[in-house]
C-alpha cells in the first residue's frame, strides 16, 4: 500500500472522528458549526502542507536526475571529442 493512500486514510479517519465528536457534543448549533469549520480548516492546512512537502521532495529528486543526466551527457561528449581528437592525429 502506498504512503499516499495510508496518509489519506489516516486523514479521513481523523476527520470522521472529529466530526462525530463535535456532533455528539452538547453545544449550541452555532458553536458546533464553528468547531466543524475550524477542524475542516485545520485538516485542509495539514493536507496542504503535506502535499507541498511531497511536491518539494519530488522536485528535488527531479533536479538530481536532471543534474545526473547533464553530467553523463557532458562526460559522453568529452569522450566523443577525445576519440575524434585521437583519430585525427593518427
PDB file of N, CA and C in Angstrom:
ATOM      1  N   UNK A   1       0.852  -1.171   0.000  1.00  0.00           N
ATOM      2  CA  UNK A   1       0.000   0.000   0.000  1.00  0.00           C
ATOM      3  C   UNK A   1       0.900   1.238   0.000  1.00  0.00           C
ATOM      4  N   UNK A   2       0.581   2.213  -0.814  1.00  0.00           N
ATOM      5  CA  UNK A   2       1.434   3.388  -0.929  1.00  0.00           C
ATOM      6  C   UNK A   2       1.243   4.324   0.262  1.00  0.00           C
ATOM      7  N   UNK A   3       2.258   5.139   0.503  1.00  0.00           N
ATOM      8  CA  UNK A   3       2.222   6.077   1.621  1.00  0.00           C
ATOM      9  C   UNK A   3       1.102   7.091   1.433  1.00  0.00           C
ATOM     10  N   UNK A   4       0.815   7.472   0.201  1.00  0.00           N
ATOM     11  CA  UNK A   4      -0.259   8.431  -0.070  1.00  0.00           C
ATOM     12  C   UNK A   4      -1.614   7.895   0.342  1.00  0.00           C
ATOM     13  N   UNK A   5      -1.845   6.615   0.071  1.00  0.00           N
ATOM     14  CA  UNK A   5      -3.129   6.012   0.445  1.00  0.00           C
ATOM     15  C   UNK A   5      -3.256   5.899   1.962  1.00  0.00           C
ATOM     16  N   UNK A   6      -2.156   5.575   2.615  1.00  0.00           N
ATOM     17  CA  UNK A   6      -2.171   5.470   4.073  1.00  0.00           C
ATOM     18  C   UNK A   6      -2.454   6.838   4.682  1.00  0.00           C
ATOM     19  N   UNK A   7      -1.772   7.873   4.175  1.00  0.00           N
ATOM     20  CA  UNK A   7      -1.970   9.229   4.676  1.00  0.00           C
ATOM     21  C   UNK A   7      -3.413   9.672   4.458  1.00  0.00           C
ATOM     22  N   UNK A   8      -3.955   9.404   3.287  1.00  0.00           N
ATOM     23  CA  UNK A   8      -5.335   9.761   3.003  1.00  0.00           C
ATOM     24  C   UNK A   8      -6.295   9.033   3.941  1.00  0.00           C
ATOM     25  N   UNK A   9      -6.047   7.769   4.203  1.00  0.00           N
ATOM     26  CA  UNK A   9      -6.887   7.010   5.124  1.00  0.00           C
ATOM     27  C   UNK A   9      -6.829   7.555   6.541  1.00  0.00           C
ATOM     28  N   UNK A  10      -5.626   7.919   6.979  1.00  0.00           N
ATOM     29  CA  UNK A  10      -5.465   8.482   8.322  1.00  0.00           C
ATOM     30  C   UNK A  10      -6.196   9.813   8.423  1.00  0.00           C
ATOM     31  N   UNK A  11      -6.031  10.671   7.420  1.00  0.00           N
ATOM     32  CA  UNK A  11      -6.712  11.969   7.440  1.00  0.00           C
ATOM     33  C   UNK A  11      -8.236  11.802   7.425  1.00  0.00           C
ATOM     34  N   UNK A  12      -8.728  10.863   6.637  1.00  0.00           N
ATOM     35  CA  UNK A  12     -10.169  10.615   6.593  1.00  0.00           C
ATOM     36  C   UNK A  12     -10.664  10.109   7.947  1.00  0.00           C
ATOM     37  N   UNK A  13      -9.900   9.244   8.591  1.00  0.00           N
ATOM     38  CA  UNK A  13     -10.281   8.739   9.910  1.00  0.00           C
ATOM     39  C   UNK A  13     -10.295   9.829  10.964  1.00  0.00           C
ATOM     40  N   UNK A  14      -9.298  10.689  10.925  1.00  0.00           N
ATOM     41  CA  UNK A  14      -9.243  11.804  11.873  1.00  0.00           C
ATOM     42  C   UNK A  14     -10.423  12.739  11.647  1.00  0.00           C
ATOM     43  N   UNK A  15     -10.714  13.031  10.380  1.00  0.00           N
ATOM     44  CA  UNK A  15     -11.827  13.924  10.065  1.00  0.00           C
ATOM     45  C   UNK A  15     -13.152  13.331  10.536  1.00  0.00           C
ATOM     46  N   UNK A  16     -13.346  12.047  10.273  1.00  0.00           N
ATOM     47  CA  UNK A  16     -14.593  11.397  10.692  1.00  0.00           C
ATOM     48  C   UNK A  16     -14.713  11.384  12.216  1.00  0.00           C
ATOM     49  N   UNK A  17     -13.628  11.075  12.911  1.00  0.00           N
ATOM     50  CA  UNK A  17     -13.655  11.065  14.368  1.00  0.00           C
ATOM     51  C   UNK A  17     -13.933  12.432  14.951  1.00  0.00           C
ATOM     52  N   UNK A  18     -13.304  13.448  14.384  1.00  0.00           N
ATOM     53  CA  UNK A  18     -13.531  14.810  14.867  1.00  0.00           C
ATOM     54  C   UNK A  18     -14.970  15.237  14.626  1.00  0.00           C
ATOM     55  N   UNK A  19     -15.499  14.915  13.464  1.00  0.00           N
ATOM     56  CA  UNK A  19     -16.876  15.279  13.136  1.00  0.00           C
ATOM     57  C   UNK A  19     -17.869  14.586  14.069  1.00  0.00           C
ATOM     58  N   UNK A  20     -17.674  13.316  14.309  1.00  0.00           N
ATOM     59  CA  UNK A  20     -18.580  12.582  15.211  1.00  0.00           C
ATOM     60  C   UNK A  20     -18.490  13.141  16.626  1.00  0.00           C
ATOM     61  N   UNK A  21     -17.272  13.431  17.062  1.00  0.00           N
ATOM     62  CA  UNK A  21     -17.099  14.001  18.399  1.00  0.00           C
ATOM     63  C   UNK A  21     -17.789  15.337  18.556  1.00  0.00           C
ATOM     64  N   UNK A  22     -17.683  16.174  17.544  1.00  0.00           N
ATOM     65  CA  UNK A  22     -18.303  17.501  17.607  1.00  0.00           C
ATOM     66  C   UNK A  22     -19.825  17.386  17.534  1.00  0.00           C
ATOM     67  N   UNK A  23     -20.318  16.500  16.695  1.00  0.00           N
ATOM     68  CA  UNK A  23     -21.769  16.368  16.547  1.00  0.00           C
ATOM     69  C   UNK A  23     -22.444  15.827  17.805  1.00  0.00           C
ATOM     70  N   UNK A  24     -21.752  15.021  18.559  1.00  0.00           N
ATOM     71  CA  UNK A  24     -22.340  14.469  19.780  1.00  0.00           C
ATOM     72  C   UNK A  24     -22.073  15.327  21.010  1.00  0.00           C
ATOM     73  N   UNK A  25     -21.327  16.397  20.859  1.00  0.00           N
ATOM     74  CA  UNK A  25     -21.059  17.294  21.992  1.00  0.00           C
ATOM     75  C   UNK A  25     -22.321  18.120  22.283  1.00  0.00           C
ATOM     76  N   UNK A  26     -22.585  18.378  23.553  1.00  0.00           N
ATOM     77  CA  UNK A  26     -23.813  19.104  23.924  1.00  0.00           C
ATOM     78  C   UNK A  26     -23.639  20.633  23.841  1.00  0.00           C
ATOM     79  N   UNK A  27     -23.325  21.133  22.650  1.00  0.00           N
ATOM     80  CA  UNK A  27     -23.165  22.569  22.452  1.00  0.00           C
ATOM     81  C   UNK A  27     -24.290  23.111  21.584  1.00  0.00           C
ATOM     82  N   UNK A  28     -24.374  24.453  21.527  1.00  0.00           N
ATOM     83  CA  UNK A  28     -25.339  25.097  20.648  1.00  0.00           C
ATOM     84  C   UNK A  28     -24.964  24.824  19.197  1.00  0.00           C
ATOM     85  N   UNK A  29     -25.927  24.919  18.312  1.00  0.00           N
ATOM     86  CA  UNK A  29     -25.696  24.665  16.893  1.00  0.00           C
ATOM     87  C   UNK A  29     -24.636  25.575  16.297  1.00  0.00           C
ATOM     88  N   UNK A  30     -24.669  26.847  16.681  1.00  0.00           N
ATOM     89  CA  UNK A  30     -23.689  27.788  16.122  1.00  0.00           C
ATOM     90  C   UNK A  30     -22.274  27.417  16.573  1.00  0.00           C
ATOM     91  N   UNK A  31     -22.140  26.986  17.815  1.00  0.00           N
ATOM     92  CA  UNK A  31     -20.821  26.574  18.331  1.00  0.00           C
ATOM     93  C   UNK A  31     -20.352  25.301  17.618  1.00  0.00           C
ATOM     94  N   UNK A  32     -21.261  24.375  17.387  1.00  0.00           N
ATOM     95  CA  UNK A  32     -20.921  23.139  16.691  1.00  0.00           C
ATOM     96  C   UNK A  32     -20.473  23.436  15.268  1.00  0.00           C
ATOM     97  N   UNK A  33     -21.189  24.302  14.568  1.00  0.00           N
ATOM     98  CA  UNK A  33     -20.815  24.664  13.202  1.00  0.00           C
ATOM     99  C   UNK A  33     -19.438  25.339  13.170  1.00  0.00           C
ATOM    100  N   UNK A  34     -19.169  26.197  14.149  1.00  0.00           N
ATOM    101  CA  UNK A  34     -17.869  26.863  14.213  1.00  0.00           C
ATOM    102  C   UNK A  34     -16.759  25.839  14.415  1.00  0.00           C
ATOM    103  N   UNK A  35     -16.996  24.882  15.287  1.00  0.00           N
ATOM    104  CA  UNK A  35     -15.989  23.845  15.548  1.00  0.00           C
ATOM    105  C   UNK A  35     -15.740  22.994  14.307  1.00  0.00           C
ATOM    106  N   UNK A  36     -16.806  22.666  13.593  1.00  0.00           N
ATOM    107  CA  UNK A  36     -16.655  21.876  12.370  1.00  0.00           C
ATOM    108  C   UNK A  36     -15.828  22.654  11.352  1.00  0.00           C
ATOM    109  N   UNK A  37     -16.118  23.934  11.207  1.00  0.00           N
ATOM    110  CA  UNK A  37     -15.356  24.773  10.276  1.00  0.00           C
ATOM    111  C   UNK A  37     -13.883  24.856  10.686  1.00  0.00           C
ATOM    112  N   UNK A  38     -13.636  25.027  11.982  1.00  0.00           N
ATOM    113  CA  UNK A  38     -12.259  25.106  12.470  1.00  0.00           C
ATOM    114  C   UNK A  38     -11.500  23.815  12.194  1.00  0.00           C
ATOM    115  N   UNK A  39     -12.132  22.689  12.485  1.00  0.00           N
ATOM    116  CA  UNK A  39     -11.486  21.392  12.240  1.00  0.00           C
ATOM    117  C   UNK A  39     -11.232  21.188  10.753  1.00  0.00           C
ATOM    118  N   UNK A  40     -12.195  21.574   9.925  1.00  0.00           N
ATOM    119  CA  UNK A  40     -12.031  21.444   8.479  1.00  0.00           C
ATOM    120  C   UNK A  40     -10.871  22.274   7.976  1.00  0.00           C
ATOM    121  N   UNK A  41     -10.752  23.492   8.476  1.00  0.00           N
ATOM    122  CA  UNK A  41      -9.635  24.354   8.081  1.00  0.00           C
ATOM    123  C   UNK A  41      -8.302  23.764   8.540  1.00  0.00           C
ATOM    124  N   UNK A  42      -8.276  23.233   9.758  1.00  0.00           N
ATOM    125  CA  UNK A  42      -7.046  22.608  10.258  1.00  0.00           C
ATOM    126  C   UNK A  42      -6.631  21.427   9.375  1.00  0.00           C
ATOM    127  N   UNK A  43      -7.601  20.589   9.045  1.00  0.00           N
ATOM    128  CA  UNK A  43      -7.300  19.429   8.199  1.00  0.00           C
ATOM    129  C   UNK A  43      -6.858  19.857   6.805  1.00  0.00           C
ATOM    130  N   UNK A  44      -7.500  20.881   6.258  1.00  0.00           N
ATOM    131  CA  UNK A  44      -7.120  21.366   4.939  1.00  0.00           C
ATOM    132  C   UNK A  44      -5.693  21.914   4.966  1.00  0.00           C
ATOM    133  N   UNK A  45      -5.346  22.656   6.008  1.00  0.00           N
ATOM    134  CA  UNK A  45      -3.995  23.195   6.119  1.00  0.00           C
ATOM    135  C   UNK A  45      -2.961  22.081   6.254  1.00  0.00           C
ATOM    136  N   UNK A  46      -3.290  21.074   7.046  1.00  0.00           N
ATOM    137  CA  UNK A  46      -2.378  19.945   7.217  1.00  0.00           C
ATOM    138  C   UNK A  46      -2.168  19.217   5.896  1.00  0.00           C
ATOM    139  N   UNK A  47      -3.261  18.973   5.186  1.00  0.00           N
ATOM    140  CA  UNK A  47      -3.159  18.288   3.894  1.00  0.00           C
ATOM    141  C   UNK A  47      -2.347  19.122   2.908  1.00  0.00           C
ATOM    142  N   UNK A  48      -2.560  20.437   2.916  1.00  0.00           N
ATOM    143  CA  UNK A  48      -1.818  21.322   2.013  1.00  0.00           C
ATOM    144  C   UNK A  48      -0.328  21.280   2.321  1.00  0.00           C
ATOM    145  N   UNK A  49       0.025  21.315   3.605  1.00  0.00           N
ATOM    146  CA  UNK A  49       1.439  21.262   3.999  1.00  0.00           C
ATOM    147  C   UNK A  49       2.075  19.943   3.569  1.00  0.00           C
ATOM    148  N   UNK A  50       1.366  18.835   3.772  1.00  0.00           N
ATOM    149  CA  UNK A  50       1.887  17.526   3.370  1.00  0.00           C
ATOM    150  C   UNK A  50       2.077  17.465   1.855  1.00  0.00           C
ATOM    151  N   UNK A  51       1.095  17.988   1.123  1.00  0.00           N
ATOM    152  CA  UNK A  51       1.175  17.982  -0.340  1.00  0.00           C
ATOM    153  C   UNK A  51       2.351  18.814  -0.815  1.00  0.00           C
ATOM    154  N   UNK A  52       2.514  20.012  -0.235  1.00  0.00           N
ATOM    155  CA  UNK A  52       3.627  20.883  -0.628  1.00  0.00           C
ATOM    156  C   UNK A  52       4.968  20.225  -0.307  1.00  0.00           C
ATOM    157  N   UNK A  53       5.028  19.528   0.820  1.00  0.00           N
ATOM    158  CA  UNK A  53       6.258  18.806   1.168  1.00  0.00           C
ATOM    159  C   UNK A  53       6.561  17.703   0.170  1.00  0.00           C
ATOM    160  N   UNK A  54       5.530  16.983  -0.231  1.00  0.00           N
ATOM    161  CA  UNK A  54       5.712  15.906  -1.205  1.00  0.00           C
ATOM    162  C   UNK A  54       6.146  16.470  -2.555  1.00  0.00           C
ATOM    163  N   UNK A  55       5.533  17.578  -2.966  1.00  0.00           N
ATOM    164  CA  UNK A  55       5.903  18.208  -4.236  1.00  0.00           C
ATOM    165  C   UNK A  55       7.354  18.679  -4.178  1.00  0.00           C
ATOM    166  N   UNK A  56       7.743  19.267  -3.057  1.00  0.00           N
ATOM    167  CA  UNK A  56       9.127  19.715  -2.899  1.00  0.00           C
ATOM    168  C   UNK A  56      10.106  18.565  -2.996  1.00  0.00           C
ATOM    169  N   UNK A  57       9.767  17.453  -2.384  1.00  0.00           N
ATOM    170  CA  UNK A  57      10.625  16.275  -2.429  1.00  0.00           C
ATOM    171  C   UNK A  57      10.751  15.739  -3.855  1.00  0.00           C
ATOM    172  N   UNK A  58       9.644  15.694  -4.559  1.00  0.00           N
ATOM    173  CA  UNK A  58       9.663  15.220  -5.947  1.00  0.00           C
ATOM    174  C   UNK A  58      10.497  16.168  -6.806  1.00  0.00           C
ATOM    175  N   UNK A  59      10.331  17.469  -6.597  1.00  0.00           N
ATOM    176  CA  UNK A  59      11.115  18.439  -7.374  1.00  0.00           C
ATOM    177  C   UNK A  59      12.606  18.291  -7.110  1.00  0.00           C
ATOM    178  N   UNK A  60      12.987  18.038  -5.867  1.00  0.00           N
ATOM    179  CA  UNK A  60      14.397  17.820  -5.539  1.00  0.00           C
ATOM    180  C   UNK A  60      14.935  16.595  -6.275  1.00  0.00           C
ATOM    181  N   UNK A  61      14.150  15.538  -6.290  1.00  0.00           N
ATOM    182  CA  UNK A  61      14.584  14.322  -6.976  1.00  0.00           C
ATOM    183  C   UNK A  61      14.709  14.548  -8.481  1.00  0.00           C
ATOM    184  N   UNK A  62      13.772  15.293  -9.038  1.00  0.00           N
ATOM    185  CA  UNK A  62      13.834  15.598 -10.473  1.00  0.00           C
ATOM    186  C   UNK A  62      15.089  16.399 -10.774  1.00  0.00           C
ATOM    187  N   UNK A  63      15.398  17.383  -9.935  1.00  0.00           N
ATOM    188  CA  UNK A  63      16.599  18.190 -10.140  1.00  0.00           C
ATOM    189  C   UNK A  63      17.859  17.334 -10.084  1.00  0.00           C
ATOM    190  N   UNK A  64      17.914  16.379  -9.158  1.00  0.00           N
ATOM    191  CA  UNK A  64      19.080  15.496  -9.059  1.00  0.00           C
ATOM    192  C   UNK A  64      19.209  14.628 -10.304  1.00  0.00           C
ATOM    193  N   UNK A  65      18.087  14.135 -10.806  1.00  0.00           N
ATOM    194  CA  UNK A  65      18.116  13.305 -12.021  1.00  0.00           C
ATOM    195  C   UNK A  65      18.582  14.146 -13.205  1.00  0.00           C
ATOM    196  N   UNK A  66      18.058  15.376 -13.306  1.00  0.00           N
ATOM    197  CA  UNK A  66      18.480  16.258 -14.401  1.00  0.00           C
ATOM    198  C   UNK A  66      19.983  16.527 -14.325  1.00  0.00           C
ATOM    199  N   UNK A  67      20.465  16.772 -13.119  1.00  0.00           N
ATOM    200  CA  UNK A  67      21.888  17.025 -12.931  1.00  0.00           C
ATOM    201  C   UNK A  67      22.712  15.809 -13.345  1.00  0.00           C
ATOM    202  N   UNK A  68      22.258  14.632 -12.938  1.00  0.00           N
ATOM    203  CA  UNK A  68      22.958  13.399 -13.308  1.00  0.00           C
ATOM    204  C   UNK A  68      22.971  13.183 -14.803  1.00  0.00           C
ATOM    205  N   UNK A  69      21.857  13.453 -15.458  1.00  0.00           N
ATOM    206  CA  UNK A  69      21.788  13.303 -16.913  1.00  0.00           C
ATOM    207  C   UNK A  69      22.716  14.311 -17.588  1.00  0.00           C
ATOM    208  N   UNK A  70      22.718  15.546 -17.075  1.00  0.00           N
ATOM    209  CA  UNK A  70      23.610  16.571 -17.646  1.00  0.00           C
ATOM    210  C   UNK A  70      25.066  16.182 -17.504  1.00  0.00           C
ATOM    211  N   UNK A  71      25.431  15.669 -16.339  1.00  0.00           N
ATOM    212  CA  UNK A  71      26.812  15.233 -16.127  1.00  0.00           C
ATOM    213  C   UNK A  71      27.184  14.078 -17.046  1.00  0.00           C
ATOM    214  N   UNK A  72      26.265  13.136 -17.198  1.00  0.00           N
ATOM    215  CA  UNK A  72      26.527  11.993 -18.078  1.00  0.00           C
ATOM    216  C   UNK A  72      26.668  12.459 -19.524  1.00  0.00           C
ATOM    217  N   UNK A  73      25.840  13.420 -19.936  1.00  0.00           N
ATOM    218  CA  UNK A  73      25.912  13.932 -21.309  1.00  0.00           C
ATOM    219  C   UNK A  73      27.252  14.648 -21.535  1.00  0.00           C
ATOM    220  N   UNK A  74      27.686  15.435 -20.550  1.00  0.00           N
ATOM    221  CA  UNK A  74      28.971  16.135 -20.678  1.00  0.00           C
ATOM    222  C   UNK A  74      30.121  15.137 -20.779  1.00  0.00           C
ATOM    223  N   UNK A  75      30.040  14.091 -19.959  1.00  0.00           N
ATOM    224  CA  UNK A  75      31.095  13.074 -19.987  1.00  0.00           C
ATOM    225  C   UNK A  75      31.114  12.366 -21.334  1.00  0.00           C
ATOM    226  N   UNK A  76      29.929  12.049 -21.842  1.00  0.00           N
ATOM    227  CA  UNK A  76      29.843  11.374 -23.140  1.00  0.00           C
ATOM    228  C   UNK A  76      30.387  12.267 -24.249  1.00  0.00           C
ATOM    229  N   UNK A  77      30.061  13.551 -24.206  1.00  0.00           N
ATOM    230  CA  UNK A  77      30.568  14.480 -25.223  1.00  0.00           C
ATOM    231  C   UNK A  77      32.089  14.607 -25.108  1.00  0.00           C
ATOM    232  N   UNK A  78      32.600  14.604 -23.895  1.00  0.00           N
ATOM    233  CA  UNK A  78      34.051  14.648 -23.705  1.00  0.00           C
ATOM    234  C   UNK A  78      34.717  13.427 -24.294  1.00  0.00           C
ATOM    235  N   UNK A  79      34.106  12.268 -24.100  1.00  0.00           N
ATOM    236  CA  UNK A  79      34.655  11.031 -24.672  1.00  0.00           C
ATOM    237  C   UNK A  79      34.609  11.066 -26.193  1.00  0.00           C
ATOM    238  N   UNK A  80      33.513  11.592 -26.751  1.00  0.00           N
ATOM    239  CA  UNK A  80      33.395  11.678 -28.204  1.00  0.00           C
ATOM    240  C   UNK A  80      34.456  12.621 -28.745  1.00  0.00           C
ATOM    241  N   UNK A  81      34.611  13.777 -28.106  1.00  0.00           N
ATOM    242  CA  UNK A  81      35.614  14.744 -28.553  1.00  0.00           C
ATOM    243  C   UNK A  81      37.026  14.170 -28.425  1.00  0.00           C
ATOM    244  N   UNK A  82      37.271  13.446 -27.359  1.00  0.00           N
ATOM    245  CA  UNK A  82      38.574  12.828 -27.143  1.00  0.00           C
ATOM    246  C   UNK A  82      38.872  11.805 -28.226  1.00  0.00           C
ATOM    247  N   UNK A  83      37.861  10.991 -28.546  1.00  0.00           N
ATOM    248  CA  UNK A  83      38.045   9.985 -29.603  1.00  0.00           C
ATOM    249  C   UNK A  83      38.263  10.638 -30.954  1.00  0.00           C
ATOM    250  N   UNK A  84      37.551  11.715 -31.244  1.00  0.00           N
ATOM    251  CA  UNK A  84      37.730  12.420 -32.510  1.00  0.00           C
ATOM    252  C   UNK A  84      39.102  13.051 -32.608  1.00  0.00           C
ATOM    253  N   UNK A  85      39.593  13.604 -31.507  1.00  0.00           N
ATOM    254  CA  UNK A  85      40.910  14.227 -31.476  1.00  0.00           C
ATOM    255  C   UNK A  85      41.996  13.184 -31.659  1.00  0.00           C
ATOM    256  N   UNK A  86      41.881  12.041 -31.013  1.00  0.00           N
ATOM    257  CA  UNK A  86      42.908  10.998 -31.127  1.00  0.00           C
ATOM    258  C   UNK A  86      42.907  10.374 -32.519  1.00  0.00           C
ATOM    259  N   UNK A  87      41.772  10.309 -33.177  1.00  0.00           N
ATOM    260  CA  UNK A  87      41.705   9.739 -34.519  1.00  0.00           C
ATOM    261  C   UNK A  87      42.309  10.692 -35.546  1.00  0.00           C
ATOM    262  N   UNK A  88      42.110  11.982 -35.341  1.00  0.00           N
ATOM    263  CA  UNK A  88      42.598  12.937 -36.331  1.00  0.00           C
ATOM    264  C   UNK A  88      44.113  13.091 -36.267  1.00  0.00           C
ATOM    265  N   UNK A  89      44.726  12.734 -35.149  1.00  0.00           N
ATOM    266  CA  UNK A  89      46.185  12.825 -35.028  1.00  0.00           C
ATOM    267  C   UNK A  89      46.872  11.578 -35.515  1.00  0.00           C
ATOM    268  N   UNK A  90      46.121  10.514 -35.766  1.00  0.00           N
ATOM    269  CA  UNK A  90      46.730   9.259 -36.192  1.00  0.00           C
ATOM    270  C   UNK A  90      47.004   9.233 -37.637  1.00  0.00           C
TER     271      UNK A  90
END
